[in-house]
PDB file of N, CA and C in Angstrom:
ATOM      1  N   MET A   1     -16.809  99.245 149.852  1.00  0.00           N
ATOM      2  CA  MET A   1     -16.951  99.567 151.359  1.00  0.00           C
ATOM      3  C   MET A   1     -15.937  99.585 152.139  1.00  0.00           C
ATOM      4  N   ALA A   2     -16.041 100.660 153.309  1.00  0.00           N
ATOM      5  CA  ALA A   2     -14.263 100.734 154.083  1.00  0.00           C
ATOM      6  C   ALA A   2     -15.342 101.247 155.526  1.00  0.00           C
ATOM      7  N   GLU A   3     -14.788 100.569 156.371  1.00  0.00           N
ATOM      8  CA  GLU A   3     -15.128 100.603 157.652  1.00  0.00           C
ATOM      9  C   GLU A   3     -14.691 102.148 158.503  1.00  0.00           C
ATOM     10  N   LEU A   4     -15.644 102.523 159.049  1.00  0.00           N
ATOM     11  CA  LEU A   4     -14.916 104.117 159.767  1.00  0.00           C
ATOM     12  C   LEU A   4     -14.659 103.763 161.086  1.00  0.00           C
ATOM     13  N   HIS A   5     -13.719 104.143 161.517  1.00  0.00           N
ATOM     14  CA  HIS A   5     -12.958 104.278 163.135  1.00  0.00           C
ATOM     15  C   HIS A   5     -13.113 105.480 163.451  1.00  0.00           C
ATOM     16  N   LEU A   6     -13.786 105.923 164.688  1.00  0.00           N
ATOM     17  CA  LEU A   6     -13.523 107.625 165.242  1.00  0.00           C
ATOM     18  C   LEU A   6     -12.662 107.342 166.271  1.00  0.00           C
ATOM     19  N   ASP A   7     -11.842 108.206 166.273  1.00  0.00           N
ATOM     20  CA  ASP A   7     -10.765 108.265 167.463  1.00  0.00           C
ATOM     21  C   ASP A   7     -11.596 108.883 168.671  1.00  0.00           C
ATOM     22  N   ASN A   8     -12.001 107.907 169.271  1.00  0.00           N
ATOM     23  CA  ASN A   8     -12.970 108.405 170.758  1.00  0.00           C
ATOM     24  C   ASN A   8     -12.192 109.730 171.703  1.00  0.00           C
ATOM     25  N   TRP A   9     -10.871 109.580 171.684  1.00  0.00           N
ATOM     26  CA  TRP A   9     -10.257 110.614 172.751  1.00  0.00           C
ATOM     27  C   TRP A   9     -10.416 111.744 171.841  1.00  0.00           C
ATOM     28  N   ARG A  10      -9.796 111.855 170.640  1.00  0.00           N
ATOM     29  CA  ARG A  10     -10.189 113.149 169.803  1.00  0.00           C
ATOM     30  C   ARG A  10     -11.682 113.649 169.777  1.00  0.00           C
ATOM     31  N   ALA A  11     -12.559 112.787 169.822  1.00  0.00           N
ATOM     32  CA  ALA A  11     -13.765 113.490 169.149  1.00  0.00           C
ATOM     33  C   ALA A  11     -14.286 113.817 170.533  1.00  0.00           C
ATOM     34  N   ASN A  12     -14.092 113.356 171.811  1.00  0.00           N
ATOM     35  CA  ASN A  12     -14.379 113.168 173.055  1.00  0.00           C
ATOM     36  C   ASN A  12     -14.134 114.377 173.710  1.00  0.00           C
ATOM     37  N   ARG A  13     -13.257 114.753 173.787  1.00  0.00           N
ATOM     38  CA  ARG A  13     -12.376 115.971 173.947  1.00  0.00           C
ATOM     39  C   ARG A  13     -13.009 117.227 174.187  1.00  0.00           C
ATOM     40  N   GLY A  14     -13.515 117.528 175.497  1.00  0.00           N
ATOM     41  CA  GLY A  14     -14.289 118.807 175.685  1.00  0.00           C
ATOM     42  C   GLY A  14     -15.825 118.231 175.357  1.00  0.00           C
ATOM     43  N   ALA A  15     -16.097 116.906 175.628  1.00  0.00           N
ATOM     44  CA  ALA A  15     -17.403 116.497 175.095  1.00  0.00           C
ATOM     45  C   ALA A  15     -18.566 117.168 176.112  1.00  0.00           C
ATOM     46  N   VAL A  16     -18.011 118.143 176.988  1.00  0.00           N
ATOM     47  CA  VAL A  16     -18.926 118.071 178.043  1.00  0.00           C
ATOM     48  C   VAL A  16     -20.017 119.209 177.166  1.00  0.00           C
ATOM     49  N   TYR A  17     -19.434 119.782 175.918  1.00  0.00           N
ATOM     50  CA  TYR A  17     -20.208 120.469 174.905  1.00  0.00           C
ATOM     51  C   TYR A  17     -20.283 119.639 173.723  1.00  0.00           C
ATOM     52  N   PRO A  18     -21.643 119.154 173.884  1.00  0.00           N
ATOM     53  CA  PRO A  18     -22.036 118.008 172.712  1.00  0.00           C
ATOM     54  C   PRO A  18     -21.598 118.851 171.402  1.00  0.00           C
ATOM     55  N   TRP A  19     -21.753 120.147 171.013  1.00  0.00           N
ATOM     56  CA  TRP A  19     -21.518 120.236 169.572  1.00  0.00           C
ATOM     57  C   TRP A  19     -20.376 119.976 169.324  1.00  0.00           C
ATOM     58  N   ARG A  20     -19.304 120.090 170.221  1.00  0.00           N
ATOM     59  CA  ARG A  20     -17.961 119.795 170.066  1.00  0.00           C
ATOM     60  C   ARG A  20     -17.452 118.954 169.421  1.00  0.00           C
ATOM     61  N   MET A  21     -18.161 117.555 169.817  1.00  0.00           N
ATOM     62  CA  MET A  21     -18.033 116.361 168.909  1.00  0.00           C
ATOM     63  C   MET A  21     -18.822 116.255 167.756  1.00  0.00           C
ATOM     64  N   LEU A  22     -19.398 117.230 167.438  1.00  0.00           N
ATOM     65  CA  LEU A  22     -20.026 117.535 166.352  1.00  0.00           C
ATOM     66  C   LEU A  22     -19.079 118.124 165.261  1.00  0.00           C
ATOM     67  N   GLU A  23     -18.403 119.207 165.919  1.00  0.00           N
ATOM     68  CA  GLU A  23     -17.829 119.830 164.956  1.00  0.00           C
ATOM     69  C   GLU A  23     -16.139 119.377 164.891  1.00  0.00           C
ATOM     70  N   VAL A  24     -16.110 118.288 165.653  1.00  0.00           N
ATOM     71  CA  VAL A  24     -14.615 117.493 165.123  1.00  0.00           C
ATOM     72  C   VAL A  24     -15.129 116.872 164.435  1.00  0.00           C
ATOM     73  N   THR A  25     -16.226 115.994 164.362  1.00  0.00           N
ATOM     74  CA  THR A  25     -16.477 114.597 163.425  1.00  0.00           C
ATOM     75  C   THR A  25     -17.008 115.165 162.336  1.00  0.00           C
ATOM     76  N   ARG A  26     -17.392 116.586 161.767  1.00  0.00           N
ATOM     77  CA  ARG A  26     -17.572 117.293 160.649  1.00  0.00           C
ATOM     78  C   ARG A  26     -16.349 117.841 160.115  1.00  0.00           C
ATOM     79  N   SER A  27     -15.404 118.289 160.499  1.00  0.00           N
ATOM     80  CA  SER A  27     -14.170 118.209 160.221  1.00  0.00           C
ATOM     81  C   SER A  27     -13.358 117.126 159.692  1.00  0.00           C
ATOM     82  N   GLU A  28     -13.408 115.841 160.620  1.00  0.00           N
ATOM     83  CA  GLU A  28     -13.089 114.871 159.829  1.00  0.00           C
ATOM     84  C   GLU A  28     -13.693 114.118 158.672  1.00  0.00           C
ATOM     85  N   LEU A  29     -14.786 114.417 158.840  1.00  0.00           N
ATOM     86  CA  LEU A  29     -15.707 114.126 157.339  1.00  0.00           C
ATOM     87  C   LEU A  29     -15.113 114.866 156.099  1.00  0.00           C
ATOM     88  N   LYS A  30     -15.228 116.320 156.182  1.00  0.00           N
ATOM     89  CA  LYS A  30     -14.524 117.170 155.268  1.00  0.00           C
ATOM     90  C   LYS A  30     -13.233 116.600 154.926  1.00  0.00           C
ATOM     91  N   PHE A  31     -12.502 116.302 155.685  1.00  0.00           N
ATOM     92  CA  PHE A  31     -11.101 115.769 155.375  1.00  0.00           C
ATOM     93  C   PHE A  31     -11.324 114.218 154.718  1.00  0.00           C
ATOM     94  N   LEU A  32     -12.302 113.543 154.899  1.00  0.00           N
ATOM     95  CA  LEU A  32     -12.407 112.105 153.982  1.00  0.00           C
ATOM     96  C   LEU A  32     -12.993 112.456 152.702  1.00  0.00           C
ATOM     97  N   ALA A  33     -14.032 113.550 152.544  1.00  0.00           N
ATOM     98  CA  ALA A  33     -14.346 113.743 151.381  1.00  0.00           C
ATOM     99  C   ALA A  33     -13.192 114.206 150.167  1.00  0.00           C
ATOM    100  N   ASN A  34     -12.487 115.103 151.150  1.00  0.00           N
ATOM    101  CA  ASN A  34     -11.417 115.426 149.889  1.00  0.00           C
ATOM    102  C   ASN A  34     -10.431 114.331 149.161  1.00  0.00           C
ATOM    103  N   GLN A  35     -10.413 113.103 150.034  1.00  0.00           N
ATOM    104  CA  GLN A  35      -9.657 111.993 149.766  1.00  0.00           C
ATOM    105  C   GLN A  35     -10.585 110.828 149.003  1.00  0.00           C
ATOM    106  N   VAL A  36     -11.755 111.237 149.145  1.00  0.00           N
ATOM    107  CA  VAL A  36     -12.788 110.100 148.653  1.00  0.00           C
ATOM    108  C   VAL A  36     -12.400 109.656 147.055  1.00  0.00           C
ATOM    109  N   SER A  37     -12.337 110.520 146.339  1.00  0.00           N
ATOM    110  CA  SER A  37     -12.171 110.097 144.879  1.00  0.00           C
ATOM    111  C   SER A  37     -11.041 109.062 144.736  1.00  0.00           C
ATOM    112  N   GLU A  38      -9.429 109.444 145.512  1.00  0.00           N
ATOM    113  CA  GLU A  38      -8.700 108.486 145.610  1.00  0.00           C
ATOM    114  C   GLU A  38      -9.077 107.018 146.175  1.00  0.00           C
ATOM    115  N   LEU A  39      -9.910 107.106 147.150  1.00  0.00           N
ATOM    116  CA  LEU A  39     -10.045 105.730 147.817  1.00  0.00           C
ATOM    117  C   LEU A  39     -10.803 104.780 146.908  1.00  0.00           C
ATOM    118  N   LYS A  40     -11.843 105.317 146.012  1.00  0.00           N
ATOM    119  CA  LYS A  40     -12.418 104.606 145.135  1.00  0.00           C
ATOM    120  C   LYS A  40     -13.455 103.659 146.178  1.00  0.00           C
ATOM    121  N   VAL A  41     -14.015 104.049 146.889  1.00  0.00           N
ATOM    122  CA  VAL A  41     -15.144 103.460 148.209  1.00  0.00           C
ATOM    123  C   VAL A  41     -16.353 103.870 147.628  1.00  0.00           C
ATOM    124  N   LYS A  42     -17.241 103.066 147.690  1.00  0.00           N
ATOM    125  CA  LYS A  42     -18.590 103.520 147.191  1.00  0.00           C
ATOM    126  C   LYS A  42     -19.137 103.713 148.551  1.00  0.00           C
ATOM    127  N   ALA A  43     -19.218 103.134 149.673  1.00  0.00           N
ATOM    128  CA  ALA A  43     -19.894 103.667 150.982  1.00  0.00           C
ATOM    129  C   ALA A  43     -18.724 103.779 152.552  1.00  0.00           C
ATOM    130  N   PHE A  44     -19.329 103.807 153.194  1.00  0.00           N
ATOM    131  CA  PHE A  44     -18.763 103.980 154.528  1.00  0.00           C
ATOM    132  C   PHE A  44     -19.764 103.412 155.318  1.00  0.00           C
ATOM    133  N   TYR A  45     -18.968 102.547 156.613  1.00  0.00           N
ATOM    134  CA  TYR A  45     -19.960 101.622 157.704  1.00  0.00           C
ATOM    135  C   TYR A  45     -19.492 101.841 158.815  1.00  0.00           C
ATOM    136  N   GLY A  46     -20.123 101.985 159.623  1.00  0.00           N
ATOM    137  CA  GLY A  46     -19.256 101.528 161.169  1.00  0.00           C
ATOM    138  C   GLY A  46     -20.765 101.156 161.988  1.00  0.00           C
ATOM    139  N   ILE A  47     -20.300 101.002 163.199  1.00  0.00           N
ATOM    140  CA  ILE A  47     -21.347 100.356 164.499  1.00  0.00           C
ATOM    141  C   ILE A  47     -20.954 101.420 165.288  1.00  0.00           C
ATOM    142  N   THR A  48     -21.828 102.065 165.965  1.00  0.00           N
ATOM    143  CA  THR A  48     -21.822 103.007 166.918  1.00  0.00           C
ATOM    144  C   THR A  48     -22.802 103.127 167.981  1.00  0.00           C
ATOM    145  N   LEU A  49     -22.491 103.723 169.259  1.00  0.00           N
ATOM    146  CA  LEU A  49     -23.215 104.130 169.926  1.00  0.00           C
ATOM    147  C   LEU A  49     -23.765 105.801 169.636  1.00  0.00           C
ATOM    148  N   HIS A  50     -23.293 106.148 169.110  1.00  0.00           N
ATOM    149  CA  HIS A  50     -23.501 107.704 168.573  1.00  0.00           C
ATOM    150  C   HIS A  50     -24.542 107.728 167.450  1.00  0.00           C
ATOM    151  N   HIS A  51     -25.233 107.112 167.286  1.00  0.00           N
ATOM    152  CA  HIS A  51     -26.452 106.828 166.298  1.00  0.00           C
ATOM    153  C   HIS A  51     -26.939 108.271 165.776  1.00  0.00           C
ATOM    154  N   ALA A  52     -27.317 108.697 167.009  1.00  0.00           N
ATOM    155  CA  ALA A  52     -28.156 110.063 166.984  1.00  0.00           C
ATOM    156  C   ALA A  52     -27.213 111.620 166.316  1.00  0.00           C
ATOM    157  N   LEU A  53     -25.794 111.387 166.792  1.00  0.00           N
ATOM    158  CA  LEU A  53     -24.987 112.147 165.946  1.00  0.00           C
ATOM    159  C   LEU A  53     -24.771 111.862 164.494  1.00  0.00           C
ATOM    160  N   THR A  54     -24.694 110.647 164.268  1.00  0.00           N
ATOM    161  CA  THR A  54     -24.172 110.210 162.907  1.00  0.00           C
ATOM    162  C   THR A  54     -25.160 110.602 162.073  1.00  0.00           C
ATOM    163  N   LYS A  55     -26.207 110.408 162.283  1.00  0.00           N
ATOM    164  CA  LYS A  55     -27.820 111.035 161.869  1.00  0.00           C
ATOM    165  C   LYS A  55     -27.891 112.294 161.351  1.00  0.00           C
ATOM    166  N   ARG A  56     -27.236 112.859 162.034  1.00  0.00           N
ATOM    167  CA  ARG A  56     -26.943 114.643 161.995  1.00  0.00           C
ATOM    168  C   ARG A  56     -26.345 114.670 160.970  1.00  0.00           C
ATOM    169  N   LEU A  57     -25.340 113.755 160.510  1.00  0.00           N
ATOM    170  CA  LEU A  57     -24.127 114.461 159.901  1.00  0.00           C
ATOM    171  C   LEU A  57     -24.372 113.416 158.512  1.00  0.00           C
ATOM    172  N   GLY A  58     -25.690 113.053 158.016  1.00  0.00           N
ATOM    173  CA  GLY A  58     -26.249 112.411 156.974  1.00  0.00           C
ATOM    174  C   GLY A  58     -25.952 111.326 156.932  1.00  0.00           C
ATOM    175  N   PHE A  59     -25.412 110.465 157.872  1.00  0.00           N
ATOM    176  CA  PHE A  59     -25.540 108.752 157.938  1.00  0.00           C
ATOM    177  C   PHE A  59     -27.283 108.152 157.606  1.00  0.00           C
ATOM    178  N   THR A  60     -26.811 107.127 156.830  1.00  0.00           N
ATOM    179  CA  THR A  60     -28.316 106.124 157.473  1.00  0.00           C
ATOM    180  C   THR A  60     -27.842 105.346 158.695  1.00  0.00           C
ATOM    181  N   VAL A  61     -29.058 105.234 159.381  1.00  0.00           N
ATOM    182  CA  VAL A  61     -29.202 104.368 160.688  1.00  0.00           C
ATOM    183  C   VAL A  61     -29.618 103.322 160.344  1.00  0.00           C
ATOM    184  N   ARG A  62     -29.098 101.918 160.827  1.00  0.00           N
ATOM    185  CA  ARG A  62     -30.003 100.776 160.616  1.00  0.00           C
ATOM    186  C   ARG A  62     -29.814 100.020 162.165  1.00  0.00           C
ATOM    187  N   GLU A  63     -30.891  99.041 162.502  1.00  0.00           N
ATOM    188  CA  GLU A  63     -31.025  98.236 163.319  1.00  0.00           C
ATOM    189  C   GLU A  63     -29.796  96.981 163.530  1.00  0.00           C
ATOM    190  N   ILE A  64     -28.995  96.706 164.191  1.00  0.00           N
ATOM    191  CA  ILE A  64     -28.334  95.420 163.902  1.00  0.00           C
ATOM    192  C   ILE A  64     -29.362  94.150 164.459  1.00  0.00           C
ATOM    193  N   SER A  65     -29.496  92.949 164.111  1.00  0.00           N
ATOM    194  CA  SER A  65     -30.007  91.835 164.196  1.00  0.00           C
ATOM    195  C   SER A  65     -29.596  91.480 165.840  1.00  0.00           C
ATOM    196  N   PRO A  66     -30.298  90.993 166.613  1.00  0.00           N
ATOM    197  CA  PRO A  66     -30.358  90.866 167.646  1.00  0.00           C
ATOM    198  C   PRO A  66     -29.378  89.395 167.838  1.00  0.00           C
ATOM    199  N   GLY A  67     -28.610  89.054 168.852  1.00  0.00           N
ATOM    200  CA  GLY A  67     -27.450  87.702 168.822  1.00  0.00           C
ATOM    201  C   GLY A  67     -26.424  88.260 169.722  1.00  0.00           C
ATOM    202  N   PHE A  68     -25.496  87.245 169.667  1.00  0.00           N
ATOM    203  CA  PHE A  68     -24.144  87.446 170.379  1.00  0.00           C
ATOM    204  C   PHE A  68     -23.428  88.682 170.167  1.00  0.00           C
ATOM    205  N   ARG A  69     -23.577  88.873 168.571  1.00  0.00           N
ATOM    206  CA  ARG A  69     -22.391  89.803 167.857  1.00  0.00           C
ATOM    207  C   ARG A  69     -22.952  91.134 168.565  1.00  0.00           C
ATOM    208  N   ARG A  70     -23.994  91.268 168.462  1.00  0.00           N
ATOM    209  CA  ARG A  70     -24.607  92.609 168.939  1.00  0.00           C
ATOM    210  C   ARG A  70     -24.469  93.002 170.285  1.00  0.00           C
ATOM    211  N   TRP A  71     -24.775  92.030 171.291  1.00  0.00           N
ATOM    212  CA  TRP A  71     -24.474  92.019 172.801  1.00  0.00           C
ATOM    213  C   TRP A  71     -22.864  92.151 172.851  1.00  0.00           C
ATOM    214  N   LEU A  72     -21.900  91.818 171.748  1.00  0.00           N
ATOM    215  CA  LEU A  72     -20.541  91.910 172.718  1.00  0.00           C
ATOM    216  C   LEU A  72     -20.274  92.851 172.186  1.00  0.00           C
ATOM    217  N   THR A  73     -20.818  93.469 170.542  1.00  0.00           N
ATOM    218  CA  THR A  73     -20.323  95.080 170.487  1.00  0.00           C
ATOM    219  C   THR A  73     -20.807  95.861 171.334  1.00  0.00           C
ATOM    220  N   GLN A  74     -21.899  95.743 171.641  1.00  0.00           N
ATOM    221  CA  GLN A  74     -22.889  96.733 172.632  1.00  0.00           C
ATOM    222  C   GLN A  74     -21.804  96.738 174.023  1.00  0.00           C
ATOM    223  N   LEU A  75     -21.662  95.682 174.416  1.00  0.00           N
ATOM    224  CA  LEU A  75     -20.522  95.566 175.964  1.00  0.00           C
ATOM    225  C   LEU A  75     -19.548  96.466 175.755  1.00  0.00           C
ATOM    226  N   PHE A  76     -18.832  95.777 174.548  1.00  0.00           N
ATOM    227  CA  PHE A  76     -17.500  96.750 174.429  1.00  0.00           C
ATOM    228  C   PHE A  76     -17.304  98.150 173.956  1.00  0.00           C
ATOM    229  N   LEU A  77     -18.187  98.509 173.331  1.00  0.00           N
ATOM    230  CA  LEU A  77     -18.623  99.724 172.859  1.00  0.00           C
ATOM    231  C   LEU A  77     -18.800 101.250 174.246  1.00  0.00           C
ATOM    232  N   THR A  78     -19.818 100.289 174.905  1.00  0.00           N
ATOM    233  CA  THR A  78     -20.656 100.749 176.276  1.00  0.00           C
ATOM    234  C   THR A  78     -18.900 101.029 177.170  1.00  0.00           C
ATOM    235  N   GLY A  79     -18.273 100.033 177.162  1.00  0.00           N
ATOM    236  CA  GLY A  79     -16.873 100.008 178.072  1.00  0.00           C
ATOM    237  C   GLY A  79     -16.022 101.303 177.443  1.00  0.00           C
ATOM    238  N   LEU A  80     -16.066 101.392 175.971  1.00  0.00           N
ATOM    239  CA  LEU A  80     -15.124 102.423 175.405  1.00  0.00           C
ATOM    240  C   LEU A  80     -15.899 103.903 175.835  1.00  0.00           C
ATOM    241  N   LEU A  81     -17.105 103.956 176.025  1.00  0.00           N
ATOM    242  CA  LEU A  81     -17.635 105.090 176.231  1.00  0.00           C
ATOM    243  C   LEU A  81     -17.380 105.517 177.655  1.00  0.00           C
ATOM    244  N   ILE A  82     -17.516 104.279 178.671  1.00  0.00           N
ATOM    245  CA  ILE A  82     -17.066 104.937 180.202  1.00  0.00           C
ATOM    246  C   ILE A  82     -15.436 105.012 180.150  1.00  0.00           C
ATOM    247  N   SER A  83     -14.858 104.429 179.085  1.00  0.00           N
ATOM    248  CA  SER A  83     -13.342 105.099 179.508  1.00  0.00           C
ATOM    249  C   SER A  83     -13.127 106.294 178.878  1.00  0.00           C
ATOM    250  N   TYR A  84     -13.646 106.498 177.812  1.00  0.00           N
ATOM    251  CA  TYR A  84     -12.791 108.077 177.210  1.00  0.00           C
ATOM    252  C   TYR A  84     -14.045 109.006 177.374  1.00  0.00           C
ATOM    253  N   HIS A  85     -15.353 109.106 177.940  1.00  0.00           N
ATOM    254  CA  HIS A  85     -16.099 110.239 178.058  1.00  0.00           C
ATOM    255  C   HIS A  85     -15.870 110.772 179.542  1.00  0.00           C
ATOM    256  N   PRO A  86     -15.959 112.247 179.417  1.00  0.00           N
ATOM    257  CA  PRO A  86     -15.050 112.883 180.566  1.00  0.00           C
ATOM    258  C   PRO A  86     -15.867 111.996 181.934  1.00  0.00           C
ATOM    259  N   LYS A  87     -17.273 112.151 181.656  1.00  0.00           N
ATOM    260  CA  LYS A  87     -18.045 111.810 183.050  1.00  0.00           C
ATOM    261  C   LYS A  87     -18.265 110.368 183.243  1.00  0.00           C
ATOM    262  N   GLY A  88     -17.494 109.556 182.523  1.00  0.00           N
ATOM    263  CA  GLY A  88     -17.146 108.070 182.787  1.00  0.00           C
ATOM    264  C   GLY A  88     -18.600 107.454 182.733  1.00  0.00           C
ATOM    265  N   GLU A  89     -18.924 106.740 183.914  1.00  0.00           N
ATOM    266  CA  GLU A  89     -20.120 105.870 184.193  1.00  0.00           C
ATOM    267  C   GLU A  89     -20.864 106.722 184.366  1.00  0.00           C
ATOM    268  N   LEU A  90     -20.886 107.923 184.870  1.00  0.00           N
ATOM    269  CA  LEU A  90     -22.018 108.921 185.111  1.00  0.00           C
ATOM    270  C   LEU A  90     -22.788 109.200 183.878  1.00  0.00           C
ATOM    271  N   ARG A  91     -22.495 108.965 182.539  1.00  0.00           N
ATOM    272  CA  ARG A  91     -22.647 108.994 181.195  1.00  0.00           C
ATOM    273  C   ARG A  91     -23.780 108.210 180.961  1.00  0.00           C
ATOM    274  N   LEU A  92     -23.779 107.072 181.558  1.00  0.00           N
ATOM    275  CA  LEU A  92     -24.617 105.979 181.308  1.00  0.00           C
ATOM    276  C   LEU A  92     -26.015 106.303 182.114  1.00  0.00           C
ATOM    277  N   GLU A  93     -26.203 107.184 183.237  1.00  0.00           N
ATOM    278  CA  GLU A  93     -27.059 107.484 184.081  1.00  0.00           C
ATOM    279  C   GLU A  93     -28.075 108.696 183.282  1.00  0.00           C
ATOM    280  N   GLU A  94     -27.053 109.523 182.417  1.00  0.00           N
ATOM    281  CA  GLU A  94     -27.564 110.641 181.951  1.00  0.00           C
ATOM    282  C   GLU A  94     -29.235 110.247 181.197  1.00  0.00           C
ATOM    283  N   GLY A  95     -29.366 109.116 180.371  1.00  0.00           N
ATOM    284  CA  GLY A  95     -30.499 108.865 179.818  1.00  0.00           C
ATOM    285  C   GLY A  95     -30.677 109.758 178.625  1.00  0.00           C
ATOM    286  N   THR A  96     -30.063 110.751 178.259  1.00  0.00           N
ATOM    287  CA  THR A  96     -30.069 111.768 177.048  1.00  0.00           C
ATOM    288  C   THR A  96     -30.381 111.088 175.772  1.00  0.00           C
ATOM    289  N   THR A  97     -29.668 110.370 175.304  1.00  0.00           N
ATOM    290  CA  THR A  97     -29.687 109.539 173.931  1.00  0.00           C
ATOM    291  C   THR A  97     -29.680 108.142 174.053  1.00  0.00           C
ATOM    292  N   SER A  98     -30.145 107.357 173.484  1.00  0.00           N
ATOM    293  CA  SER A  98     -30.577 105.917 173.918  1.00  0.00           C
ATOM    294  C   SER A  98     -28.425 105.331 173.319  1.00  0.00           C
ATOM    295  N   LEU A  99     -28.515 104.248 174.178  1.00  0.00           N
ATOM    296  CA  LEU A  99     -26.845 103.811 174.126  1.00  0.00           C
ATOM    297  C   LEU A  99     -27.111 102.567 173.484  1.00  0.00           C
ATOM    298  N   LYS A 100     -28.049 102.123 172.617  1.00  0.00           N
ATOM    299  CA  LYS A 100     -28.143 101.223 171.877  1.00  0.00           C
ATOM    300  C   LYS A 100     -27.359 100.838 170.668  1.00  0.00           C
ATOM    301  N   VAL A 101     -26.303  99.754 170.250  1.00  0.00           N
ATOM    302  CA  VAL A 101     -25.765  99.950 169.364  1.00  0.00           C
ATOM    303  C   VAL A 101     -26.411 100.046 167.806  1.00  0.00           C
ATOM    304  N   LYS A 102     -25.759 100.646 167.007  1.00  0.00           N
ATOM    305  CA  LYS A 102     -26.887 100.521 165.487  1.00  0.00           C
ATOM    306  C   LYS A 102     -25.780 100.875 164.547  1.00  0.00           C
ATOM    307  N   GLU A 103     -26.039 100.059 163.272  1.00  0.00           N
ATOM    308  CA  GLU A 103     -25.017 100.206 161.954  1.00  0.00           C
ATOM    309  C   GLU A 103     -25.287 101.752 161.419  1.00  0.00           C
ATOM    310  N   VAL A 104     -24.082 102.222 160.974  1.00  0.00           N
ATOM    311  CA  VAL A 104     -24.163 103.593 160.423  1.00  0.00           C
ATOM    312  C   VAL A 104     -23.823 103.064 158.681  1.00  0.00           C
ATOM    313  N   TRP A 105     -24.203 103.856 158.152  1.00  0.00           N
ATOM    314  CA  TRP A 105     -23.999 104.076 156.459  1.00  0.00           C
ATOM    315  C   TRP A 105     -24.053 105.236 155.535  1.00  0.00           C
ATOM    316  N   LEU A 106     -23.078 105.827 154.840  1.00  0.00           N
ATOM    317  CA  LEU A 106     -22.846 106.585 154.080  1.00  0.00           C
ATOM    318  C   LEU A 106     -22.199 106.605 152.969  1.00  0.00           C
ATOM    319  N   SER A 107     -22.851 106.735 151.935  1.00  0.00           N
ATOM    320  CA  SER A 107     -22.353 106.388 150.295  1.00  0.00           C
ATOM    321  C   SER A 107     -21.271 107.555 150.519  1.00  0.00           C
ATOM    322  N   SER A 108     -20.170 107.303 149.255  1.00  0.00           N
ATOM    323  CA  SER A 108     -19.648 108.348 149.057  1.00  0.00           C
ATOM    324  C   SER A 108     -20.335 109.304 148.223  1.00  0.00           C
ATOM    325  N   ALA A 109     -21.232 109.032 147.619  1.00  0.00           N
ATOM    326  CA  ALA A 109     -21.682 109.894 146.847  1.00  0.00           C
ATOM    327  C   ALA A 109     -22.231 110.843 148.038  1.00  0.00           C
ATOM    328  N   GLU A 110     -23.256 110.414 149.093  1.00  0.00           N
ATOM    329  CA  GLU A 110     -23.692 111.619 150.243  1.00  0.00           C
ATOM    330  C   GLU A 110     -22.479 112.397 150.860  1.00  0.00           C
ATOM    331  N   LEU A 111     -21.322 111.525 151.160  1.00  0.00           N
ATOM    332  CA  LEU A 111     -20.228 112.301 151.625  1.00  0.00           C
ATOM    333  C   LEU A 111     -19.747 113.502 150.883  1.00  0.00           C
ATOM    334  N   LEU A 112     -19.839 113.425 149.770  1.00  0.00           N
ATOM    335  CA  LEU A 112     -19.245 114.595 148.726  1.00  0.00           C
ATOM    336  C   LEU A 112     -20.436 115.385 148.838  1.00  0.00           C
ATOM    337  N   ARG A 113     -21.721 115.095 148.979  1.00  0.00           N
ATOM    338  CA  ARG A 113     -22.829 116.112 148.623  1.00  0.00           C
ATOM    339  C   ARG A 113     -22.843 116.833 149.772  1.00  0.00           C
ATOM    340  N   HIS A 114     -22.430 116.281 151.294  1.00  0.00           N
ATOM    341  CA  HIS A 114     -22.644 116.916 152.514  1.00  0.00           C
ATOM    342  C   HIS A 114     -21.471 118.065 152.781  1.00  0.00           C
ATOM    343  N   TYR A 115     -19.934 117.081 152.294  1.00  0.00           N
ATOM    344  CA  TYR A 115     -18.667 117.694 152.910  1.00  0.00           C
ATOM    345  C   TYR A 115     -17.847 118.248 151.867  1.00  0.00           C
ATOM    346  N   SER A 116     -18.464 118.104 150.399  1.00  0.00           N
ATOM    347  CA  SER A 116     -17.081 118.888 150.152  1.00  0.00           C
ATOM    348  C   SER A 116     -17.374 120.237 149.296  1.00  0.00           C
TER     349      SER A 116
END
């Protein structure tokens, strides 16, 4: 298993256009698909507020068990969103997508099926 980290600054550049974030992320996943055979990784994992986006990219989305870890992760990722999103705090008021943290998973086989 490998944990994925998205470069928020790069992904959110031009995020006033939602499809731009999708394009950048697809491009990064295509690059990762080209490297996956050398990595010998069976699955990729992450925790994100962008679960609606990741579902569209082929990831499986799972709830995180309630508790301190989820609360702290929610607080941290919401802070990152405010810091990196062009609209800052105003993004929280839009209410267009759920800003609840969730786990996302993508097997190497699915990555190759979608992006190679």
